[in-house]
PDB file of all heavy atoms in Angstrom:
ATOM      1  N   TRP A   1       7.672  -3.806   1.025  1.00  0.00           N
ATOM      2  CA  TRP A   1       8.734  -4.496   0.278  1.00  0.00           C
ATOM      3  C   TRP A   1       8.542  -4.313  -1.224  1.00  0.00           C
ATOM      4  O   TRP A   1       9.507  -4.077  -1.966  1.00  0.00           O
ATOM      5  CB  TRP A   1       8.735  -5.987   0.633  1.00  0.00           C
ATOM      6  CG  TRP A   1       9.789  -6.752  -0.108  1.00  0.00           C
ATOM      7  CD1 TRP A   1      11.099  -6.923   0.250  1.00  0.00           C
ATOM      8  CD2 TRP A   1       9.628  -7.432  -1.358  1.00  0.00           C
ATOM      9  NE1 TRP A   1      11.760  -7.670  -0.698  1.00  0.00           N
ATOM     10  CE2 TRP A   1      10.875  -7.999  -1.696  1.00  0.00           C
ATOM     11  CE3 TRP A   1       8.554  -7.631  -2.218  1.00  0.00           C
ATOM     12  CZ2 TRP A   1      11.081  -8.739  -2.858  1.00  0.00           C
ATOM     13  CZ3 TRP A   1       8.746  -8.364  -3.378  1.00  0.00           C
ATOM     14  CH2 TRP A   1      10.002  -8.909  -3.685  1.00  0.00           C
ATOM     15  N   LEU A   2       7.314  -4.386  -1.688  1.00  0.00           N
ATOM     16  CA  LEU A   2       7.049  -4.195  -3.111  1.00  0.00           C
ATOM     17  C   LEU A   2       7.432  -2.788  -3.556  1.00  0.00           C
ATOM     18  O   LEU A   2       8.019  -2.602  -4.622  1.00  0.00           O
ATOM     19  CB  LEU A   2       5.575  -4.465  -3.413  1.00  0.00           C
ATOM     20  CG  LEU A   2       5.155  -5.932  -3.397  1.00  0.00           C
ATOM     21  CD1 LEU A   2       3.632  -6.055  -3.360  1.00  0.00           C
ATOM     22  CD2 LEU A   2       5.711  -6.674  -4.618  1.00  0.00           C
ATOM     23  N   LEU A   3       7.107  -1.789  -2.753  1.00  0.00           N
ATOM     24  CA  LEU A   3       7.465  -0.419  -3.116  1.00  0.00           C
ATOM     25  C   LEU A   3       8.979  -0.234  -3.183  1.00  0.00           C
ATOM     26  O   LEU A   3       9.485   0.518  -4.023  1.00  0.00           O
ATOM     27  CB  LEU A   3       6.862   0.569  -2.109  1.00  0.00           C
ATOM     28  CG  LEU A   3       5.352   0.797  -2.209  1.00  0.00           C
ATOM     29  CD1 LEU A   3       4.883   1.657  -1.046  1.00  0.00           C
ATOM     30  CD2 LEU A   3       4.968   1.437  -3.537  1.00  0.00           C
ATOM     31  N   GLN A   4       9.713  -0.912  -2.287  1.00  0.00           N
ATOM     32  CA  GLN A   4      11.167  -0.795  -2.295  1.00  0.00           C
ATOM     33  C   GLN A   4      11.819  -1.685  -3.348  1.00  0.00           C
ATOM     34  O   GLN A   4      12.980  -1.481  -3.696  1.00  0.00           O
ATOM     35  CB  GLN A   4      11.729  -1.115  -0.900  1.00  0.00           C
ATOM     36  CG  GLN A   4      11.373  -0.054   0.126  1.00  0.00           C
ATOM     37  CD  GLN A   4      12.010  -0.269   1.490  1.00  0.00           C
ATOM     38  OE1 GLN A   4      11.442   0.123   2.502  1.00  0.00           O
ATOM     39  NE2 GLN A   4      13.182  -0.872   1.543  1.00  0.00           N
ATOM     40  N   ARG A   5      11.072  -2.647  -3.870  1.00  0.00           N
ATOM     41  CA  ARG A   5      11.622  -3.575  -4.858  1.00  0.00           C
ATOM     42  C   ARG A   5      12.048  -2.866  -6.141  1.00  0.00           C
ATOM     43  O   ARG A   5      13.108  -3.140  -6.703  1.00  0.00           O
ATOM     44  CB  ARG A   5      10.584  -4.664  -5.165  1.00  0.00           C
ATOM     45  CG  ARG A   5      10.832  -5.519  -6.402  1.00  0.00           C
ATOM     46  CD  ARG A   5      12.096  -6.345  -6.316  1.00  0.00           C
ATOM     47  NE  ARG A   5      12.300  -7.111  -7.532  1.00  0.00           N
ATOM     48  CZ  ARG A   5      12.833  -6.647  -8.652  1.00  0.00           C
ATOM     49  NH1 ARG A   5      13.223  -5.375  -8.729  1.00  0.00           N
ATOM     50  NH2 ARG A   5      12.995  -7.427  -9.705  1.00  0.00           N
ATOM     51  N   SER A   6      11.225  -1.936  -6.641  1.00  0.00           N
ATOM     52  CA  SER A   6      11.552  -1.242  -7.887  1.00  0.00           C
ATOM     53  C   SER A   6      10.701   0.009  -7.998  1.00  0.00           C
ATOM     54  O   SER A   6       9.521  -0.008  -7.630  1.00  0.00           O
ATOM     55  CB  SER A   6      11.296  -2.157  -9.089  1.00  0.00           C
ATOM     56  OG  SER A   6      11.652  -1.515 -10.304  1.00  0.00           O
ATOM     57  N   PRO A   7      11.257   1.098  -8.531  1.00  0.00           N
ATOM     58  CA  PRO A   7      10.503   2.360  -8.585  1.00  0.00           C
ATOM     59  C   PRO A   7       9.330   2.340  -9.555  1.00  0.00           C
ATOM     60  O   PRO A   7       8.477   3.236  -9.500  1.00  0.00           O
ATOM     61  CB  PRO A   7      11.553   3.382  -9.023  1.00  0.00           C
ATOM     62  CG  PRO A   7      12.600   2.579  -9.729  1.00  0.00           C
ATOM     63  CD  PRO A   7      12.642   1.269  -9.005  1.00  0.00           C
ATOM     64  N   ASN A   8       9.259   1.347 -10.457  1.00  0.00           N
ATOM     65  CA  ASN A   8       8.148   1.295 -11.407  1.00  0.00           C
ATOM     66  C   ASN A   8       6.980   0.454 -10.902  1.00  0.00           C
ATOM     67  O   ASN A   8       5.979   0.300 -11.604  1.00  0.00           O
ATOM     68  CB  ASN A   8       8.609   0.755 -12.767  1.00  0.00           C
ATOM     69  CG  ASN A   8       9.026  -0.706 -12.727  1.00  0.00           C
ATOM     70  OD1 ASN A   8       9.646  -1.149 -11.757  1.00  0.00           O
ATOM     71  ND2 ASN A   8       8.721  -1.450 -13.779  1.00  0.00           N
ATOM     72  N   ILE A   9       7.089  -0.087  -9.680  1.00  0.00           N
ATOM     73  CA  ILE A   9       5.989  -0.871  -9.122  1.00  0.00           C
ATOM     74  C   ILE A   9       4.942   0.067  -8.535  1.00  0.00           C
ATOM     75  O   ILE A   9       5.240   0.925  -7.707  1.00  0.00           O
ATOM     76  CB  ILE A   9       6.492  -1.861  -8.059  1.00  0.00           C
ATOM     77  CG1 ILE A   9       7.250  -3.007  -8.734  1.00  0.00           C
ATOM     78  CG2 ILE A   9       5.337  -2.409  -7.225  1.00  0.00           C
ATOM     79  CD1 ILE A   9       7.774  -4.063  -7.791  1.00  0.00           C
ATOM     80  N   LEU A  10       3.697  -0.104  -8.995  1.00  0.00           N
ATOM     81  CA  LEU A  10       2.545   0.630  -8.479  1.00  0.00           C
ATOM     82  C   LEU A  10       1.650  -0.355  -7.754  1.00  0.00           C
ATOM     83  O   LEU A  10       1.404  -1.450  -8.256  1.00  0.00           O
ATOM     84  CB  LEU A  10       1.767   1.292  -9.616  1.00  0.00           C
ATOM     85  CG  LEU A  10       2.551   2.192 -10.569  1.00  0.00           C
ATOM     86  CD1 LEU A  10       1.631   2.734 -11.657  1.00  0.00           C
ATOM     87  CD2 LEU A  10       3.228   3.334  -9.815  1.00  0.00           C
ATOM     88  N   LEU A  11       1.140   0.030  -6.595  1.00  0.00           N
ATOM     89  CA  LEU A  11       0.341  -0.884  -5.783  1.00  0.00           C
ATOM     90  C   LEU A  11      -1.133  -0.503  -5.809  1.00  0.00           C
ATOM     91  O   LEU A  11      -1.486   0.680  -5.818  1.00  0.00           O
ATOM     92  CB  LEU A  11       0.838  -0.888  -4.341  1.00  0.00           C
ATOM     93  CG  LEU A  11       2.280  -1.365  -4.142  1.00  0.00           C
ATOM     94  CD1 LEU A  11       2.603  -1.452  -2.650  1.00  0.00           C
ATOM     95  CD2 LEU A  11       2.520  -2.698  -4.810  1.00  0.00           C
ATOM     96  N   ILE A  12      -1.981  -1.523  -5.808  1.00  0.00           N
ATOM     97  CA  ILE A  12      -3.429  -1.315  -5.839  1.00  0.00           C
ATOM     98  C   ILE A  12      -4.119  -2.216  -4.811  1.00  0.00           C
ATOM     99  O   ILE A  12      -5.037  -2.966  -5.145  1.00  0.00           O
ATOM    100  CB  ILE A  12      -4.007  -1.552  -7.242  1.00  0.00           C
ATOM    101  CG1 ILE A  12      -3.521  -2.901  -7.809  1.00  0.00           C
ATOM    102  CG2 ILE A  12      -3.650  -0.411  -8.174  1.00  0.00           C
ATOM    103  CD1 ILE A  12      -4.256  -3.349  -9.057  1.00  0.00           C
ATOM    104  N   PRO A  13      -3.692  -2.170  -3.534  1.00  0.00           N
ATOM    105  CA  PRO A  13      -4.343  -3.031  -2.547  1.00  0.00           C
ATOM    106  C   PRO A  13      -5.819  -2.666  -2.418  1.00  0.00           C
ATOM    107  O   PRO A  13      -6.188  -1.492  -2.455  1.00  0.00           O
ATOM    108  CB  PRO A  13      -3.577  -2.732  -1.256  1.00  0.00           C
ATOM    109  CG  PRO A  13      -3.026  -1.360  -1.456  1.00  0.00           C
ATOM    110  CD  PRO A  13      -2.698  -1.281  -2.919  1.00  0.00           C
ATOM    111  N   GLY A  14      -6.645  -3.668  -2.274  1.00  0.00           N
ATOM    112  CA  GLY A  14      -8.084  -3.441  -2.194  1.00  0.00           C
ATOM    113  C   GLY A  14      -8.625  -3.738  -0.813  1.00  0.00           C
ATOM    114  O   GLY A  14      -8.060  -4.530  -0.054  1.00  0.00           O
ATOM    115  N   THR A  15      -9.730  -3.113  -0.489  1.00  0.00           N
ATOM    116  CA  THR A  15     -10.417  -3.354   0.777  1.00  0.00           C
ATOM    117  C   THR A  15     -11.806  -2.729   0.699  1.00  0.00           C
ATOM    118  O   THR A  15     -12.040  -1.821  -0.104  1.00  0.00           O
ATOM    119  CB  THR A  15      -9.647  -2.730   1.957  1.00  0.00           C
ATOM    120  OG1 THR A  15     -10.368  -2.961   3.166  1.00  0.00           O
ATOM    121  CG2 THR A  15      -9.459  -1.238   1.774  1.00  0.00           C
ATOM    122  N   SER A  16     -12.696  -3.224   1.541  1.00  0.00           N
ATOM    123  CA  SER A  16     -14.025  -2.621   1.662  1.00  0.00           C
ATOM    124  C   SER A  16     -14.175  -1.907   2.996  1.00  0.00           C
ATOM    125  O   SER A  16     -15.272  -1.533   3.378  1.00  0.00           O
ATOM    126  CB  SER A  16     -15.110  -3.689   1.512  1.00  0.00           C
ATOM    127  OG  SER A  16     -14.944  -4.711   2.491  1.00  0.00           O
ATOM    128  N   SER A  17     -13.052  -1.708   3.702  1.00  0.00           N
ATOM    129  CA  SER A  17     -13.052  -1.117   5.038  1.00  0.00           C
ATOM    130  C   SER A  17     -12.194   0.144   5.052  1.00  0.00           C
ATOM    131  O   SER A  17     -11.047   0.130   4.601  1.00  0.00           O
ATOM    132  CB  SER A  17     -12.503  -2.123   6.055  1.00  0.00           C
ATOM    133  OG  SER A  17     -11.989  -1.497   7.198  1.00  0.00           O
ATOM    134  N   VAL A  18     -12.729   1.233   5.602  1.00  0.00           N
ATOM    135  CA  VAL A  18     -11.958   2.466   5.715  1.00  0.00           C
ATOM    136  C   VAL A  18     -10.751   2.263   6.620  1.00  0.00           C
ATOM    137  O   VAL A  18      -9.649   2.746   6.337  1.00  0.00           O
ATOM    138  CB  VAL A  18     -12.842   3.618   6.232  1.00  0.00           C
ATOM    139  CG1 VAL A  18     -11.997   4.823   6.629  1.00  0.00           C
ATOM    140  CG2 VAL A  18     -13.859   4.033   5.166  1.00  0.00           C
ATOM    141  N   ALA A  19     -10.930   1.523   7.707  1.00  0.00           N
ATOM    142  CA  ALA A  19      -9.808   1.278   8.618  1.00  0.00           C
ATOM    143  C   ALA A  19      -8.696   0.510   7.925  1.00  0.00           C
ATOM    144  O   ALA A  19      -7.504   0.828   8.094  1.00  0.00           O
ATOM    145  CB  ALA A  19     -10.299   0.507   9.846  1.00  0.00           C
ATOM    146  N   HIS A  20      -9.066  -0.494   7.146  1.00  0.00           N
ATOM    147  CA  HIS A  20      -8.067  -1.272   6.419  1.00  0.00           C
ATOM    148  C   HIS A  20      -7.412  -0.429   5.335  1.00  0.00           C
ATOM    149  O   HIS A  20      -6.220  -0.553   5.062  1.00  0.00           O
ATOM    150  CB  HIS A  20      -8.727  -2.516   5.823  1.00  0.00           C
ATOM    151  CG  HIS A  20      -7.758  -3.524   5.300  1.00  0.00           C
ATOM    152  ND1 HIS A  20      -8.122  -4.500   4.402  1.00  0.00           N
ATOM    153  CD2 HIS A  20      -6.422  -3.700   5.517  1.00  0.00           C
ATOM    154  CE1 HIS A  20      -7.070  -5.229   4.098  1.00  0.00           C
ATOM    155  NE2 HIS A  20      -6.029  -4.758   4.763  1.00  0.00           N
ATOM    156  N   LEU A  21      -8.179   0.443   4.699  1.00  0.00           N
ATOM    157  CA  LEU A  21      -7.608   1.358   3.705  1.00  0.00           C
ATOM    158  C   LEU A  21      -6.504   2.199   4.332  1.00  0.00           C
ATOM    159  O   LEU A  21      -5.413   2.343   3.762  1.00  0.00           O
ATOM    160  CB  LEU A  21      -8.708   2.260   3.138  1.00  0.00           C
ATOM    161  CG  LEU A  21      -8.223   3.416   2.256  1.00  0.00           C
ATOM    162  CD1 LEU A  21      -7.744   2.895   0.908  1.00  0.00           C
ATOM    163  CD2 LEU A  21      -9.327   4.457   2.079  1.00  0.00           C
ATOM    164  N   LYS A  22      -6.769   2.759   5.495  1.00  0.00           N
ATOM    165  CA  LYS A  22      -5.769   3.592   6.168  1.00  0.00           C
ATOM    166  C   LYS A  22      -4.513   2.783   6.496  1.00  0.00           C
ATOM    167  O   LYS A  22      -3.390   3.273   6.362  1.00  0.00           O
ATOM    168  CB  LYS A  22      -6.370   4.191   7.442  1.00  0.00           C
ATOM    169  CG  LYS A  22      -7.492   5.190   7.187  1.00  0.00           C
ATOM    170  CD  LYS A  22      -8.097   5.677   8.506  1.00  0.00           C
ATOM    171  CE  LYS A  22      -9.228   6.661   8.264  1.00  0.00           C
ATOM    172  NZ  LYS A  22      -9.863   7.110   9.542  1.00  0.00           N
ATOM    173  N   GLU A  23      -4.723   1.527   6.905  1.00  0.00           N
ATOM    174  CA  GLU A  23      -3.583   0.655   7.205  1.00  0.00           C
ATOM    175  C   GLU A  23      -2.756   0.399   5.948  1.00  0.00           C
ATOM    176  O   GLU A  23      -1.523   0.442   5.974  1.00  0.00           O
ATOM    177  CB  GLU A  23      -4.089  -0.666   7.779  1.00  0.00           C
ATOM    178  CG  GLU A  23      -2.983  -1.662   8.118  1.00  0.00           C
ATOM    179  CD  GLU A  23      -3.545  -2.984   8.624  1.00  0.00           C
ATOM    180  OE1 GLU A  23      -4.668  -2.995   9.156  1.00  0.00           O
ATOM    181  OE2 GLU A  23      -2.845  -3.998   8.471  1.00  0.00           O
ATOM    182  N   ASN A  24      -3.432   0.139   4.823  1.00  0.00           N
ATOM    183  CA  ASN A  24      -2.717  -0.098   3.569  1.00  0.00           C
ATOM    184  C   ASN A  24      -1.909   1.127   3.155  1.00  0.00           C
ATOM    185  O   ASN A  24      -0.732   1.015   2.781  1.00  0.00           O
ATOM    186  CB  ASN A  24      -3.707  -0.441   2.454  1.00  0.00           C
ATOM    187  CG  ASN A  24      -4.315  -1.813   2.598  1.00  0.00           C
ATOM    188  OD1 ASN A  24      -3.819  -2.653   3.346  1.00  0.00           O
ATOM    189  ND2 ASN A  24      -5.413  -2.054   1.900  1.00  0.00           N
ATOM    190  N   LEU A  25      -2.533   2.294   3.195  1.00  0.00           N
ATOM    191  CA  LEU A  25      -1.843   3.506   2.763  1.00  0.00           C
ATOM    192  C   LEU A  25      -0.658   3.826   3.660  1.00  0.00           C
ATOM    193  O   LEU A  25       0.369   4.335   3.186  1.00  0.00           O
ATOM    194  CB  LEU A  25      -2.820   4.683   2.729  1.00  0.00           C
ATOM    195  CG  LEU A  25      -4.005   4.557   1.754  1.00  0.00           C
ATOM    196  CD1 LEU A  25      -4.851   5.817   1.776  1.00  0.00           C
ATOM    197  CD2 LEU A  25      -3.541   4.253   0.336  1.00  0.00           C
ATOM    198  N   ALA A  26      -0.772   3.500   4.933  1.00  0.00           N
ATOM    199  CA  ALA A  26       0.338   3.757   5.862  1.00  0.00           C
ATOM    200  C   ALA A  26       1.561   2.924   5.527  1.00  0.00           C
ATOM    201  O   ALA A  26       2.688   3.298   5.880  1.00  0.00           O
ATOM    202  CB  ALA A  26      -0.119   3.485   7.294  1.00  0.00           C
ATOM    203  N   ALA A  27       1.369   1.813   4.824  1.00  0.00           N
ATOM    204  CA  ALA A  27       2.507   0.973   4.447  1.00  0.00           C
ATOM    205  C   ALA A  27       3.494   1.714   3.570  1.00  0.00           C
ATOM    206  O   ALA A  27       4.694   1.393   3.547  1.00  0.00           O
ATOM    207  CB  ALA A  27       2.014  -0.281   3.730  1.00  0.00           C
ATOM    208  N   ALA A  28       3.018   2.725   2.840  1.00  0.00           N
ATOM    209  CA  ALA A  28       3.897   3.476   1.950  1.00  0.00           C
ATOM    210  C   ALA A  28       4.944   4.274   2.720  1.00  0.00           C
ATOM    211  O   ALA A  28       5.974   4.656   2.161  1.00  0.00           O
ATOM    212  CB  ALA A  28       3.071   4.400   1.062  1.00  0.00           C
ATOM    213  N   SER A  29       4.689   4.528   3.991  1.00  0.00           N
ATOM    214  CA  SER A  29       5.641   5.282   4.817  1.00  0.00           C
ATOM    215  C   SER A  29       6.540   4.372   5.640  1.00  0.00           C
ATOM    216  O   SER A  29       7.356   4.853   6.427  1.00  0.00           O
ATOM    217  CB  SER A  29       4.872   6.225   5.755  1.00  0.00           C
ATOM    218  OG  SER A  29       4.064   7.123   5.032  1.00  0.00           O
ATOM    219  N   LEU A  30       6.410   3.054   5.460  1.00  0.00           N
ATOM    220  CA  LEU A  30       7.204   2.098   6.232  1.00  0.00           C
ATOM    221  C   LEU A  30       8.538   1.865   5.541  1.00  0.00           C
ATOM    222  O   LEU A  30       8.594   1.408   4.399  1.00  0.00           O
ATOM    223  CB  LEU A  30       6.438   0.777   6.351  1.00  0.00           C
ATOM    224  CG  LEU A  30       7.093  -0.337   7.174  1.00  0.00           C
ATOM    225  CD1 LEU A  30       7.281   0.108   8.621  1.00  0.00           C
ATOM    226  CD2 LEU A  30       6.243  -1.613   7.104  1.00  0.00           C
TER     227      LEU A  30
END
């Protein structure tokens, strides 16, 4: 939703888990 909100929004979700990182990055294709 944040990515679709405005083209100037940049996201920096954090995690200490590789699995969670992959889940976060996959959100960009949703």
